[in-house]
């Protein structure tokens, strides 16, 4: 499932269990993992991601982030995307991380300097004008994150379809795979995304929710379901 992106908050719920989840992710040959670097106020995130960050944030240090990323790079083959806010970039001095320990960074509330990071992932929505879209496409790496609709993470009852309008333009103007995120929950959502012409999907809150409900066994069953549409 190389065209699937999963979100996990770093060291959630503990470092040991976090790596057990990554073992499962590797087993299913997932292409990308977004590793959430927590902040005090993840204001664009819904309750599930927010609560996972609140659990980890008080004890997290730059040294721990460095250690975790080095271990991930040594043991796993998936691409590593750091996902955070400008608060996380500054408080953990992420520009000082070795660029060999991750593949790109997605900062949700500030445009970062391309020269300071190995790559940038940007979010795209139909609210962006074509000039902004073209500029961000030219500075993107790894994949294009197409937002399905407006709202906070994890707070959609069903998959929005706002992305469909922008998808053809983005596909025409980039060679990178285009993935749709926000509100993706089940194989039917992914099948719809693929049928509409996107290359893959991004799952965040639902992945954490499934873990919270039933641990590693629940995640294994969930990924087995998802594999039926890839």
Protein backbone atom coordinates (compact mmCIF):
# COMPACT_ATOMS: atom_id res chain seq x y z
CA UNK A 1 0.00 0.00 0.00
CA UNK A 2 2.67 2.43 -1.10
CA UNK A 3 0.10 5.14 -1.91
CA UNK A 4 -1.30 5.26 1.62
CA UNK A 5 -0.27 7.83 4.23
CA UNK A 6 -0.92 7.22 7.93
CA UNK A 7 -0.67 9.82 10.69
CA UNK A 8 0.73 9.03 14.13
CA UNK A 9 1.66 11.39 16.93
CA UNK A 10 5.27 10.70 17.90
CA UNK A 11 5.59 8.32 20.89
CA UNK A 12 1.83 7.93 21.26
CA UNK A 13 0.74 6.41 23.57
CA UNK A 14 4.27 5.43 24.66
CA UNK A 15 7.53 5.12 22.77
CA UNK A 16 7.43 1.32 22.96
CA UNK A 17 3.87 1.04 21.67
CA UNK A 18 4.54 3.68 19.01
CA UNK A 19 7.26 1.45 17.58
CA UNK A 20 5.00 -1.60 17.79
CA UNK A 21 2.51 0.29 15.63
CA UNK A 22 5.31 1.16 13.20
CA UNK A 23 6.23 -2.54 13.01
CA UNK A 24 2.68 -3.19 11.81
CA UNK A 25 2.85 -0.29 9.34
CA UNK A 26 6.03 -1.79 7.89
CA UNK A 27 4.43 -5.22 7.69
CA UNK A 28 1.65 -3.80 5.52
CA UNK A 29 4.17 -1.97 3.30
CA UNK A 30 2.66 1.48 3.89
CA UNK A 31 4.38 4.12 1.75
CA UNK A 32 4.41 7.12 4.08
CA UNK A 33 4.00 7.94 7.75
CA UNK A 34 3.22 11.45 8.94
CA UNK A 35 4.78 11.78 12.37
CA UNK A 36 3.02 14.44 14.37
CA UNK A 37 5.26 16.71 16.43
CA UNK A 38 2.94 17.98 19.18
CA UNK A 39 2.37 21.56 20.24
CA UNK A 40 0.58 23.19 23.16
CA UNK A 41 -2.32 24.33 20.98
CA UNK A 42 -2.99 22.18 17.89
CA UNK A 43 -5.86 24.46 16.94
CA UNK A 44 -6.55 22.95 13.52
CA UNK A 45 -6.94 19.45 14.92
CA UNK A 46 -10.00 17.77 16.36
CA UNK A 47 -10.30 15.95 19.67
CA UNK A 48 -8.63 12.66 18.72
CA UNK A 49 -5.36 14.13 17.45
CA UNK A 50 -5.42 16.86 20.10
CA UNK A 51 -5.71 14.33 22.93
CA UNK A 52 -2.88 12.23 21.51
CA UNK A 53 -0.66 15.32 21.40
CA UNK A 54 -1.62 16.37 24.92
CA UNK A 55 -0.44 13.00 26.22
CA UNK A 56 2.99 13.24 24.60
CA UNK A 57 3.77 16.95 24.58
CA UNK A 58 4.75 17.57 28.25
CA UNK A 59 7.71 15.15 28.19
CA UNK A 60 8.90 15.55 24.60
CA UNK A 61 12.34 17.06 23.87
CA UNK A 62 14.34 17.75 20.74
CA UNK A 63 16.77 15.04 21.87
CA UNK A 64 13.94 12.52 22.03
CA UNK A 65 12.69 13.50 18.58
CA UNK A 66 16.21 13.08 17.21
CA UNK A 67 16.54 9.65 18.82
CA UNK A 68 13.16 8.43 17.59
CA UNK A 69 13.75 9.57 14.01
CA UNK A 70 17.17 7.91 13.92
CA UNK A 71 15.65 4.62 15.09
CA UNK A 72 12.83 4.84 12.56
CA UNK A 73 15.25 5.52 9.73
CA UNK A 74 17.38 2.55 10.73
CA UNK A 75 14.58 -0.01 10.91
CA UNK A 76 11.84 0.95 8.44
CA UNK A 77 11.46 1.59 4.73
CA UNK A 78 8.47 4.00 4.62
CA UNK A 79 8.95 7.71 3.92
CA UNK A 80 8.97 9.93 7.01
CA UNK A 81 6.97 13.16 6.91
CA UNK A 82 7.08 15.41 9.96
CA UNK A 83 3.77 17.19 10.57
CA UNK A 84 3.52 20.09 12.96
CA UNK A 85 2.73 23.77 13.48
CA UNK A 86 5.15 26.69 13.42
CA UNK A 87 5.14 26.47 17.21
CA UNK A 88 6.59 22.96 16.92
CA UNK A 89 9.16 24.02 14.33
CA UNK A 90 10.44 26.77 16.62
CA UNK A 91 10.15 25.18 20.07
CA UNK A 92 11.86 21.93 19.01
CA UNK A 93 14.28 23.67 16.61
CA UNK A 94 13.36 21.27 13.82
CA UNK A 95 15.56 23.09 11.31
CA UNK A 96 18.52 21.70 13.27
CA UNK A 97 17.50 18.07 12.72
CA UNK A 98 19.71 16.07 10.40
CA UNK A 99 18.03 16.14 7.00
CA UNK A 100 18.97 12.49 6.55
CA UNK A 101 16.56 11.42 9.30
CA UNK A 102 13.33 12.36 7.52
CA UNK A 103 12.06 13.03 4.01
CA UNK A 104 9.88 16.13 4.27
CA UNK A 105 8.02 18.37 6.68
CA UNK A 106 4.45 19.66 6.61
CA UNK A 107 3.89 22.82 8.64
CA UNK A 108 0.17 23.48 8.70
CA UNK A 109 0.21 27.18 9.57
CA UNK A 110 3.35 28.70 8.05
CA UNK A 111 5.27 28.50 4.79
CA UNK A 112 8.77 27.23 5.53
CA UNK A 113 12.08 27.97 3.81
CA UNK A 114 12.78 25.18 1.33
CA UNK A 115 16.55 25.40 1.90
CA UNK A 116 16.32 24.43 5.58
CA UNK A 117 14.53 21.11 5.09
CA UNK A 118 14.95 18.00 2.91
CA UNK A 119 11.51 18.60 1.40
CA UNK A 120 8.18 20.30 1.99
CA UNK A 121 4.66 18.91 1.80
CA UNK A 122 1.92 21.50 1.30
CA UNK A 123 -1.83 21.23 1.73
CA UNK A 124 -4.06 22.25 -1.16
CA UNK A 125 -7.73 23.16 -1.13
CA UNK A 126 -10.17 24.75 -3.55
CA UNK A 127 -9.94 27.99 -1.54
CA UNK A 128 -6.44 28.60 -2.95
CA UNK A 129 -6.21 30.67 -6.11
CA UNK A 130 -4.40 29.18 -9.10
CA UNK A 131 -1.30 31.34 -8.55
CA UNK A 132 -0.88 30.04 -5.01
CA UNK A 133 -1.51 26.48 -6.15
CA UNK A 134 1.11 26.75 -8.89
CA UNK A 135 3.67 28.23 -6.49
CA UNK A 136 3.13 25.53 -3.88
CA UNK A 137 3.19 22.75 -6.47
CA UNK A 138 6.62 23.89 -7.62
CA UNK A 139 7.94 23.73 -4.05
CA UNK A 140 6.36 20.40 -3.06
CA UNK A 141 8.05 17.06 -2.57
CA UNK A 142 7.02 13.45 -1.88
CA UNK A 143 3.29 13.92 -2.53
CA UNK A 144 0.52 16.49 -2.88
CA UNK A 145 -1.84 16.73 0.11
CA UNK A 146 -5.26 17.58 -1.27
CA UNK A 147 -7.69 18.54 1.51
CA UNK A 148 -11.10 16.94 0.99
CA UNK A 149 -13.01 19.79 2.65
CA UNK A 150 -12.83 22.58 5.20
CA UNK A 151 -12.86 21.73 8.91
CA UNK A 152 -10.82 20.27 11.74
CA UNK A 153 -9.22 16.84 11.55
CA UNK A 154 -11.42 13.98 12.68
CA UNK A 155 -14.66 15.96 12.73
CA UNK A 156 -16.28 14.88 9.46
CA UNK A 157 -19.30 12.56 9.48
CA UNK A 158 -18.61 11.63 5.88
CA UNK A 159 -15.92 12.26 3.30
CA UNK A 160 -16.31 15.76 1.77
CA UNK A 161 -16.01 16.07 -1.99
CA UNK A 162 -14.72 19.64 -2.28
CA UNK A 163 -11.40 18.25 -3.57
CA UNK A 164 -12.91 16.95 -6.81
CA UNK A 165 -12.99 20.42 -8.37
CA UNK A 166 -9.26 21.06 -7.88
CA UNK A 167 -8.00 17.53 -8.53
CA UNK A 168 -7.74 17.66 -12.36
CA UNK A 169 -5.76 20.92 -12.27
CA UNK A 170 -3.34 19.58 -9.67
CA UNK A 171 -2.86 16.30 -11.52
CA UNK A 172 -2.14 18.17 -14.74
CA UNK A 173 0.51 20.36 -13.13
CA UNK A 174 2.57 17.95 -11.04
CA UNK A 175 4.37 14.65 -11.46
CA UNK A 176 3.99 13.87 -7.75
CA UNK A 177 1.28 11.48 -6.53
CA UNK A 178 -1.84 13.28 -5.32
CA UNK A 179 -3.33 12.04 -2.04
CA UNK A 180 -6.61 13.11 -0.43
CA UNK A 181 -6.92 13.58 3.32
CA UNK A 182 -9.41 14.83 5.95
CA UNK A 183 -12.45 12.65 6.62
CA UNK A 184 -11.01 9.41 5.21
CA UNK A 185 -12.26 6.55 7.36
CA UNK A 186 -12.94 3.30 5.52
CA UNK A 187 -12.25 1.31 2.34
CA UNK A 188 -15.31 2.87 0.68
CA UNK A 189 -13.85 6.35 1.16
CA UNK A 190 -10.56 5.26 -0.37
CA UNK A 191 -12.31 3.56 -3.28
CA UNK A 192 -14.20 6.79 -3.96
CA UNK A 193 -11.00 8.84 -3.85
CA UNK A 194 -9.27 6.50 -6.29
CA UNK A 195 -12.30 6.43 -8.59
CA UNK A 196 -12.25 10.23 -8.75
CA UNK A 197 -8.69 10.15 -10.05
CA UNK A 198 -6.47 10.68 -7.00
CA UNK A 199 -3.49 8.40 -6.43
CA UNK A 200 -4.07 7.56 -2.78
CA UNK A 201 -5.37 8.57 0.62
CA UNK A 202 -4.25 10.00 3.94
CA UNK A 203 -5.70 8.65 7.19
CA UNK A 204 -5.10 10.41 10.50
CA UNK A 205 -7.73 10.65 13.21
CA UNK A 206 -9.43 7.39 12.24
CA UNK A 207 -6.16 5.46 12.54
CA UNK A 208 -5.60 6.76 16.07
CA UNK A 209 -9.27 6.18 16.92
CA UNK A 210 -9.03 2.52 15.86
CA UNK A 211 -5.96 2.08 18.04
CA UNK A 212 -7.70 3.70 21.00
CA UNK A 213 -10.63 1.33 20.57
CA UNK A 214 -8.75 -1.94 20.29
CA UNK A 215 -4.98 -1.57 20.25
CA UNK A 216 -2.64 -3.23 17.75
CA UNK A 217 -5.13 -5.99 16.92
CA UNK A 218 -7.70 -3.40 15.88
CA UNK A 219 -5.17 -1.65 13.64
CA UNK A 220 -4.22 -4.93 11.98
CA UNK A 221 -7.86 -5.68 11.20
CA UNK A 222 -8.32 -2.13 9.92
CA UNK A 223 -5.32 -2.27 7.58
CA UNK A 224 -6.46 -5.67 6.34
CA UNK A 225 -9.79 -4.07 5.37
CA UNK A 226 -8.07 -1.17 3.63
CA UNK A 227 -5.82 -3.51 1.67
CA UNK A 228 -8.87 -4.81 -0.22
CA UNK A 229 -9.11 -1.56 -2.21
CA UNK A 230 -5.41 -1.00 -2.94
